[in-house]
Amino acid sequence: MNANWEKLEKNTGVLKVEVEAEKVAQALDKAFKKVVTKVNVPGFRKGKVPRQMFEAKFGVESLYQDAIDILLPDAYVEAVEQAGIEPIDRPEVDVEQFAKGQSFIFTAKVQVKPEVTLGEYKGLEIEEKDFSVKAEEVEEELKKMQERHAELVVVEEGAAQNGDTTVIDFEGFVDGEAFEGGKAENYSLELGSGSFIPGFEEQIVGMAKDEEKEINVTFPEEYHAENLKGKAAVFKVKLNEIKRKNLPVLDDEFAKDVSEFDTLEEYKKDIESKLAESKKREEEQYRENTVVEKAAANATVEIPDVMIENELNAMLSEFENRLRMQGLTVELYYQFSGQNEQQLREQMMPDAQKRVLNNLVLEAIAKAENIEATEEDLNAELEKLAEAYQRPVDELRSILQANGNLDSLKQDLLIRKTVELLVAESKSVPAVA
């Protein structure tokens, strides 16, 4: 097979491919075996019509499309490998010649990965930041745990305060008419949680038990229910009960109740240690993000729209998977958020552009530095994954191979090694005052 690549403009070119007549004949044989099982010819059982009689009755041309469908995919893949190009979208194929006894000639107009002109990527400066654990951060974590183990106590006298959990009856009206979903009884609402329409919770503050009140609010313009967007509403509210958090005392007994430690001091040290680990990961992420963004900013590349679109599709799929893991659907998300798919895609667009740019630049750096993800690297990563998922390495490899994800894992390793190089070659500089 012969394959010739001719670049036209930017990232587009034409791949002209000629496949040997021998392979055309083999494809026609396969096409005949497929088609003959579906035709009826008097005097012959289905699938038993001789080839010569079939061609005489229906014409050999009746096999061409099936033969092309059989031959084209593998021929295209082989031609791409032979030409050494990386397509980023489906090709526009034009069949120029296909006939019995002749070679198969076709052209494929292909968009390929754009060329990257690298700028400076070694010795990039990383501004120093303080990632040490502060005493107030330890106290904040301790306070969160204290809040988590607080006991709700019914308040018989006094007014509702921010942070209290109130039990209320309410009914909402727009233009004097009650609306669907605007009524509830004995509803638990934590004041200050921001779970209700802006302005609602603030007007509950100061109410006493058994007090009734009309609360005036305006629905946000981006509210999910079309009939309520931007509308003024009146809620008739009755406060049935006030519950207030009774915080446990921060002492050794508290430490024993919520942790494996005997003293509060030991528990604090454990919190500090965990925060330090988290800060270390945060610092690593900061250094990696900084060098990648700077290397990308120093490079020149024109990104095809189709690459951005493909990345957006992948990001949307990832988002839907995360929602499913939380027991939600994307349709419910659109309803709750007041967004639609187009708005979500527009929101994700800057991140998609950034991802594509960063990956293109990192791939170009890997090529320039002869960085490779070796079989040894892959085996080490598979061993880590096997340990994490409690599965044998060979089984994990087989699953990834079957799903077509083994090459993706190697690509991830390549990118990771490239980022490690950029960090290793970077230099820290004092923060600008």
Foldseek 3Di string as FASTA:
>chain_A
DDWDWDADDFQKTKIKFKAFLVLLVVLLVVLCQVCQQPDDDPPDDRSGDDPVVCCVVPNSVVSFVSSCVVPVPVRVVVNCVVHVFAFDDAWDKDWDDHDRPGITIIMTITGTFGDKFWFDQFAAEDADDDLADDPVNLVVVVVVVQQVPWDWDWDQDFWADQQKWWFKWKFKDFPNHTDPPRTDGRDIDHQPPPPDAPQPSVVRTGDHAQDKDKGWDAHDQLALDPVRRRTIMIMIMTTHTIIHTDGDDQWQVSCVVPHVDRTSVVVSVVSSVVSSVVSVVVVVVSLLVVSLVVRLVRMDTDGDPSQLVVLLVVVVVVVQVVQVVVVHGVVVVCSRRSHDPVVVSVVCSVVSVSVVSSLSSLVVLCVVVVQFQDPVNLQVVLVVVCVVVVHDSVVVVVVCVVVVNSVVVRSVVSSVVSSVNSSVRYYYDHHDD
